[in-house]
Protein backbone atom coordinates (compact mmCIF):
# COMPACT_ATOMS: atom_id res chain seq x y z
CA UNK A 1 0.11 0.00 -0.08
CA UNK A 2 1.50 3.40 -0.90
CA UNK A 3 0.88 6.27 1.63
CA UNK A 4 -1.53 8.71 0.61
CA UNK A 5 -0.01 11.54 2.14
CA UNK A 6 3.37 10.70 0.35
CA UNK A 7 2.04 10.36 -3.07
CA UNK A 8 -0.30 13.33 -2.80
CA UNK A 9 2.53 15.64 -2.09
CA UNK A 10 5.25 14.12 -4.21
CA UNK A 11 3.39 12.99 -7.17
CA UNK A 12 5.23 15.13 -9.60
CA UNK A 13 8.65 14.43 -8.38
CA UNK A 14 10.86 11.92 -10.23
CA UNK A 15 13.47 11.42 -7.55
CA UNK A 16 17.00 11.34 -9.39
CA UNK A 17 18.41 14.84 -9.11
CA UNK A 18 16.03 16.15 -6.57
CA UNK A 19 17.07 18.67 -3.94
CA UNK A 20 17.51 17.55 -0.40
CA UNK A 21 17.99 19.41 2.84
CA UNK A 22 17.80 22.77 1.00
CA UNK A 23 15.50 25.59 1.37
CA UNK A 24 13.18 26.01 -1.51
CA UNK A 25 10.21 28.17 -2.55
CA UNK A 26 7.18 28.22 -4.99
CA UNK A 27 7.85 30.03 -8.12
CA UNK A 28 5.93 31.52 -10.87
CA UNK A 29 7.73 31.79 -14.24
CA UNK A 30 6.73 33.53 -17.69
CA UNK A 31 8.81 34.27 -20.64
CA UNK A 32 8.52 38.04 -20.07
CA UNK A 33 9.35 38.08 -16.39
CA UNK A 34 11.43 34.99 -15.60
CA UNK A 35 11.25 33.12 -12.42
CA UNK A 36 9.39 34.95 -9.36
CA UNK A 37 9.61 33.72 -6.02
CA UNK A 38 6.06 33.32 -4.45
CA UNK A 39 7.32 33.25 -0.77
CA UNK A 40 5.78 31.16 1.97
CA UNK A 41 3.78 31.22 5.03
CA UNK A 42 6.28 29.38 7.01
CA UNK A 43 9.31 27.17 5.88
CA UNK A 44 9.43 25.65 2.47
CA UNK A 45 6.88 26.11 -0.10
CA UNK A 46 5.83 24.18 -3.37
CA UNK A 47 3.57 25.30 -6.37
CA UNK A 48 1.61 22.33 -7.66
CA UNK A 49 -0.88 24.03 -10.18
CA UNK A 50 -1.99 27.15 -11.94
CA UNK A 51 -5.19 28.27 -13.81
CA UNK A 52 -5.71 30.71 -16.76
CA UNK A 53 -6.20 33.62 -14.34
CA UNK A 54 -2.70 33.05 -12.84
CA UNK A 55 -4.17 31.66 -9.59
CA UNK A 56 -1.55 29.34 -8.06
CA UNK A 57 -2.13 26.36 -5.36
CA UNK A 58 0.44 24.30 -3.43
CA UNK A 59 1.66 23.60 -0.06
CA UNK A 60 3.92 25.08 2.44
CA UNK A 61 5.70 23.82 5.71
CA UNK A 62 4.06 25.26 8.72
CA UNK A 63 6.06 26.16 11.92
CA UNK A 64 4.45 23.08 13.36
CA UNK A 65 6.08 20.75 10.91
CA UNK A 66 2.83 20.16 9.10
CA UNK A 67 2.26 20.65 5.30
CA UNK A 68 -0.55 23.17 4.76
CA UNK A 69 -2.49 24.09 1.60
CA UNK A 70 -2.20 27.69 0.10
CA UNK A 71 -3.76 29.65 -2.65
CA UNK A 72 -1.63 32.49 -4.27
CA UNK A 73 -2.83 35.51 -6.31
CA UNK A 74 -0.94 38.39 -7.56
CA UNK A 75 -3.27 40.84 -5.79
CA UNK A 76 -3.43 38.92 -2.35
CA UNK A 77 -0.20 36.90 -2.21
CA UNK A 78 -0.32 33.38 -0.33
CA UNK A 79 -3.26 32.45 1.87
CA UNK A 80 -3.74 29.29 4.06
CA UNK A 81 -7.01 27.28 2.81
CA UNK A 82 -7.24 25.49 6.15
CA UNK A 83 -7.95 21.87 6.73
CA UNK A 84 -10.83 19.31 7.16
CA UNK A 85 -10.44 19.72 11.18
CA UNK A 86 -7.08 18.28 11.40
CA UNK A 87 -3.64 19.87 11.14
CA UNK A 88 -2.23 19.22 7.63
CA UNK A 89 -3.13 19.44 4.01
CA UNK A 90 -1.88 20.21 0.53
CA UNK A 91 -3.53 21.72 -2.65
CA UNK A 92 -2.60 20.07 -5.80
CA UNK A 93 -4.58 21.49 -8.70
CA UNK A 94 -6.87 24.53 -9.51
CA UNK A 95 -9.31 24.87 -12.38
CA UNK A 96 -10.42 28.14 -14.06
CA UNK A 97 -13.52 28.65 -11.97
CA UNK A 98 -11.00 28.66 -8.89
CA UNK A 99 -12.04 25.34 -7.50
CA UNK A 100 -9.19 23.73 -5.75
CA UNK A 101 -8.41 20.19 -4.97
CA UNK A 102 -6.07 18.18 -2.73
CA UNK A 103 -5.96 16.45 0.62
CA UNK A 104 -6.36 17.63 4.07
CA UNK A 105 -6.48 15.84 7.45
CA UNK A 106 -9.87 15.44 9.41
CA UNK A 107 -10.55 15.61 13.17
CA UNK A 108 -9.70 11.72 13.31
CA UNK A 109 -6.32 12.57 11.71
CA UNK A 110 -6.93 10.71 8.44
CA UNK A 111 -6.34 12.43 5.07
CA UNK A 112 -9.38 12.94 2.97
CA UNK A 113 -9.71 14.49 -0.50
CA UNK A 114 -11.06 17.76 -0.70
CA UNK A 115 -12.80 20.42 -3.08
CA UNK A 116 -12.50 24.00 -1.94
CA UNK A 117 -13.83 27.33 -3.45
CA UNK A 118 -14.07 30.66 -2.18
CA UNK A 119 -17.85 30.56 -1.78
CA UNK A 120 -18.03 27.23 -0.15
CA UNK A 121 -14.80 26.61 1.67
CA UNK A 122 -13.34 23.23 1.99
CA UNK A 123 -15.66 20.17 1.15
CA UNK A 124 -14.60 16.49 2.31
CA UNK A 125 -15.13 14.25 -0.68
CA UNK A 126 -15.11 11.04 1.34
CA UNK A 127 -13.29 7.89 0.27
CA UNK A 128 -14.13 4.67 -1.58
CA UNK A 129 -14.62 2.81 1.88
CA UNK A 130 -11.07 2.93 3.28
CA UNK A 131 -9.57 5.35 5.59
CA UNK A 132 -7.74 7.90 3.33
CA UNK A 133 -8.19 9.54 0.12
CA UNK A 134 -6.64 12.27 -1.85
CA UNK A 135 -7.56 14.53 -5.07
CA UNK A 136 -4.81 15.31 -7.70
CA UNK A 137 -6.70 16.89 -10.57
CA UNK A 138 -9.80 18.95 -11.45
CA UNK A 139 -11.35 19.62 -14.99
CA UNK A 140 -13.30 22.68 -15.86
CA UNK A 141 -16.57 20.88 -15.34
CA UNK A 142 -15.57 20.31 -11.65
CA UNK A 143 -15.00 16.65 -11.94
CA UNK A 144 -12.06 15.30 -9.67
CA UNK A 145 -9.58 12.81 -10.12
CA UNK A 146 -7.58 11.00 -7.31
CA UNK A 147 -6.95 7.88 -5.24
CA UNK A 148 -8.65 6.47 -2.21
CA UNK A 149 -8.02 3.31 -0.01
CA UNK A 150 -10.40 0.48 -0.51
CA UNK A 151 -12.34 -1.14 2.29
CA UNK A 152 -9.78 -2.99 4.43
CA UNK A 153 -7.13 -0.29 3.77
CA UNK A 154 -4.84 -2.44 2.00
CA UNK A 155 -5.38 -1.58 -1.90
CA UNK A 156 -5.67 1.98 -3.25
CA UNK A 157 -7.91 2.60 -6.40
CA UNK A 158 -8.03 5.55 -8.73
CA UNK A 159 -11.43 7.53 -8.55
CA UNK A 160 -13.49 10.11 -10.57
CA UNK A 161 -15.72 12.28 -8.41
CA UNK A 162 -18.35 14.53 -9.58
CA UNK A 163 -21.19 16.43 -7.72
CA UNK A 164 -23.87 14.30 -9.50
CA UNK A 165 -22.25 10.84 -9.13
CA UNK A 166 -20.11 11.23 -6.11
CA UNK A 167 -16.85 9.05 -6.07
CA UNK A 168 -16.50 6.31 -8.65
CA UNK A 169 -13.96 3.65 -8.51
CA UNK A 170 -12.09 3.55 -11.89
CA UNK A 171 -10.63 0.07 -11.06
CA UNK A 172 -7.01 -1.07 -12.02
CA UNK A 173 -5.26 -2.87 -14.90
CA UNK A 174 -4.80 -6.05 -12.67
CA UNK A 175 -7.49 -5.65 -10.28
CA UNK A 176 -5.18 -4.19 -7.35
CA UNK A 177 -3.43 -0.81 -6.94
CA UNK A 178 -4.06 2.26 -9.19
CA UNK A 179 -3.47 5.76 -8.62
CA UNK A 180 -4.88 8.74 -10.57
CA UNK A 181 -3.06 11.93 -11.42
CA UNK A 182 -4.93 13.72 -14.18
CA UNK A 183 -8.36 14.40 -15.65
CA UNK A 184 -9.52 16.21 -18.69
CA UNK A 185 -12.74 17.88 -19.81
CA UNK A 186 -13.99 14.58 -21.39
CA UNK A 187 -13.50 12.85 -18.14
CA UNK A 188 -10.70 10.83 -19.09
CA UNK A 189 -8.16 10.12 -16.29
CA UNK A 190 -4.54 9.22 -16.29
CA UNK A 191 -2.18 7.72 -13.74
CA UNK A 192 -0.39 4.30 -12.94
CA UNK A 193 -1.52 0.79 -12.05
CA UNK A 194 -0.10 -2.32 -11.16
CA UNK A 195 -0.16 -4.94 -14.20
CA UNK A 196 0.33 -8.07 -12.32
CA UNK A 197 -0.40 -9.48 -8.87
CA UNK A 198 3.10 -8.73 -7.74
CA UNK A 199 4.45 -5.55 -6.39
CA UNK A 200 5.86 -4.33 -9.81
CA UNK A 201 5.64 -3.36 -12.63
CA UNK A 202 3.34 -0.25 -12.58
CA UNK A 203 2.29 0.94 -15.97
CA UNK A 204 0.67 4.38 -17.16
CA UNK A 205 -2.81 3.92 -17.85
CA UNK A 206 -5.73 5.94 -19.70
CA UNK A 207 -9.14 5.58 -18.33
CA UNK A 208 -11.86 6.93 -20.68
CA UNK A 209 -15.72 6.31 -20.66
CA UNK A 210 -15.12 3.25 -22.53
CA UNK A 211 -12.68 1.58 -20.17
CA UNK A 212 -9.03 1.36 -19.14
CA UNK A 213 -6.08 1.08 -21.33
CA UNK A 214 -2.45 0.24 -20.62
CA UNK A 215 -0.06 2.80 -22.07
CA UNK A 216 2.97 0.54 -21.80
CA UNK A 217 6.61 1.97 -21.22
CA UNK A 218 9.30 3.44 -23.44
CA UNK A 219 11.61 0.71 -24.98
CA UNK A 220 13.46 -1.15 -22.41
CA UNK A 221 11.45 0.64 -19.54
CA UNK A 222 10.30 -1.25 -16.60
CA UNK A 223 7.63 1.02 -15.27
CA UNK A 224 5.87 4.15 -16.25
CA UNK A 225 3.49 6.92 -14.85
CA UNK A 226 1.22 9.17 -16.60
CA UNK A 227 0.54 12.25 -14.83
CA UNK A 228 -1.25 14.75 -16.95
CA UNK A 229 -3.37 15.02 -20.06
CA UNK A 230 -4.94 17.82 -22.17
CA UNK A 231 -8.31 18.11 -23.66
CA UNK A 232 -6.89 16.76 -26.95
CA UNK A 233 -6.00 13.61 -25.30
CA UNK A 234 -2.07 14.08 -25.17
CA UNK A 235 -0.80 12.36 -22.09
CA UNK A 236 2.49 13.05 -20.58
CA UNK A 237 4.62 11.26 -17.78
CA UNK A 238 7.81 9.38 -17.36
CA UNK A 239 9.04 5.81 -17.86
CA UNK A 240 11.41 4.12 -15.35
CA UNK A 241 14.49 1.97 -16.13
CA UNK A 242 16.48 -0.67 -14.20
CA UNK A 243 19.16 1.92 -13.68
CA UNK A 244 16.78 3.97 -11.53
CA UNK A 245 16.66 6.96 -14.21
CA UNK A 246 13.37 7.88 -15.87
CA UNK A 247 12.56 9.65 -19.03
CA UNK A 248 9.81 11.81 -19.94
CA UNK A 249 7.13 10.96 -22.64
CA UNK A 250 4.29 12.01 -24.69
CA UNK A 251 1.63 9.62 -25.84
CA UNK A 252 -1.24 10.02 -28.25
CA UNK A 253 -3.65 7.67 -29.63
CA UNK A 254 -2.12 8.07 -33.06
CA UNK A 255 1.57 7.72 -32.23
CA UNK A 256 1.76 5.86 -28.86
CA UNK A 257 4.43 6.66 -26.61
CA UNK A 258 7.33 8.76 -27.56
CA UNK A 259 10.46 9.76 -25.70
CA UNK A 260 10.95 13.29 -24.89
CA UNK A 261 14.48 13.04 -23.69
CA UNK A 262 16.77 15.18 -25.78
CA UNK A 263 20.60 14.46 -26.28
CA UNK A 264 22.80 15.22 -23.24
CA UNK A 265 20.10 14.37 -20.73
CA UNK A 266 20.52 11.78 -18.00
CA UNK A 267 16.93 11.88 -16.86
CA UNK A 268 13.78 13.77 -17.39
CA UNK A 269 10.00 14.00 -16.13
CA UNK A 270 7.22 15.55 -17.80
CA UNK A 271 4.67 16.97 -15.07
CA UNK A 272 1.98 18.98 -16.99
CA UNK A 273 0.69 19.79 -20.55
CA UNK A 274 -1.41 22.67 -21.53
CA UNK A 275 -4.10 22.98 -24.27
CA UNK A 276 -1.54 24.06 -26.67
CA UNK A 277 0.74 21.15 -26.09
CA UNK A 278 3.33 22.83 -24.14
CA UNK A 279 5.06 20.29 -21.60
CA UNK A 280 6.86 21.24 -18.41
CA UNK A 281 8.78 19.33 -15.97
CA UNK A 282 12.50 18.98 -15.24
CA UNK A 283 15.67 17.42 -16.74
CA UNK A 284 19.12 16.53 -15.52
CA UNK A 285 21.86 17.43 -17.90
CA UNK A 286 24.94 14.84 -18.16
CA UNK A 287 27.50 15.80 -15.79
CA UNK A 288 25.13 18.16 -13.38
CA UNK A 289 24.55 17.43 -9.88
CA UNK A 290 20.78 18.50 -9.83
CA UNK A 291 17.89 19.00 -12.29
CA UNK A 292 16.40 22.20 -13.54
CA UNK A 293 12.75 23.10 -14.43
CA UNK A 294 12.26 22.92 -18.01
CA UNK A 295 9.77 23.66 -20.84
CA UNK A 296 9.77 21.35 -23.85
CA UNK A 297 10.02 23.59 -27.19
CA UNK A 298 10.06 20.28 -29.27
CA UNK A 299 10.10 16.52 -28.81
CA UNK A 300 13.97 16.65 -28.33
CA UNK A 301 14.35 20.23 -27.12
CA UNK A 302 14.02 21.71 -23.61
CA UNK A 303 14.33 25.27 -22.35
CA UNK A 304 16.05 25.69 -19.07
CA UNK A 305 14.03 27.77 -16.85
CA UNK A 306 16.71 28.44 -14.29
CA UNK A 307 16.56 28.47 -10.46
CA UNK A 308 15.63 31.11 -7.77
CA UNK A 309 19.06 30.54 -6.19
CA UNK A 310 21.13 27.16 -5.26
CA UNK A 311 21.09 24.49 -7.83
CA UNK A 312 17.62 22.77 -8.10
CA UNK A 313 14.38 23.47 -9.44
CA UNK A 314 11.37 21.58 -11.12
CA UNK A 315 8.17 22.75 -12.94
CA UNK A 316 4.91 21.16 -11.88
CA UNK A 317 2.12 23.09 -13.78
CA UNK A 318 1.67 25.34 -16.78
CA UNK A 319 -1.49 27.41 -17.92
CA UNK A 320 -2.58 28.11 -21.59
CA UNK A 321 -0.77 31.53 -21.40
CA UNK A 322 2.35 29.76 -20.85
CA UNK A 323 2.90 30.66 -17.13
CA UNK A 324 4.74 27.97 -15.39
CA UNK A 325 4.85 26.98 -11.74
CA UNK A 326 6.83 24.79 -9.55
CA UNK A 327 9.50 25.04 -6.90
CA UNK A 328 13.19 25.92 -6.68
CA UNK A 329 15.91 26.17 -4.34
CA UNK A 330 16.76 29.87 -3.15
CA UNK A 331 20.24 29.37 -1.76
């Protein structure tokens, strides 16, 4: 069983080259302004998503040691979104209506998926029958994707939630664990799922109204994970290898899974894609010590977005205006 708190917070991080024991802040990047430090309400901060209005969501480390969900706007800066009665939480995605999803702890101390809006505050979306759940994506229709523990609290399954149907179990490739990370306007969901009864391998999947499809891996890859898709149905994520490295991919129904790893890169991961097909994530150049946030300008071309300071950054979200969010070391 994967820990809900862990995968909800760390869903977009491909571990090789990640910063450790450094101070990092959420950032907002654009081609005209470069990388802007969004600050924090406590210790470190991480931006996870951005909408067309430039509203940014993520989480920060409170003085108590708990992570807390935030919403940032240019006018008001960073504000805490609260919890479901517990002490911790994280905001993971926001749609153009300003609806925010993520996870937060309840009075009982368990993590539950939430839906937040300025008018209604934070709503508990419940679970599939287990103790914990977490939301990772929301589309413009207000449909929410995420993962929940099943009854018995041993297996996790991807879910799709709507105000009309509540939380629907999306199943898994092999009937055991599955994790959802992205949903588009058509209600198609992407994520990763076990493909056998053993612990590994996990494969990227696409779940449409017609059913669930195994997207496979890149050549010689052992595992894969799909983390985002746009309304055109283009899926992005990464594929893992026995060496421990991972390489970004793009998948379409017409062309299947294609590598996005340019020459001179030792690992890469794609974390988000907008309606225009712009992909963001991070890459580690051969010989470099830590990864940098990147925008893909072509299948084998990346633009380095730099850092706020220090040596590490990663991009986690992009809107249709090309504004990018993520986090970076500041010293």
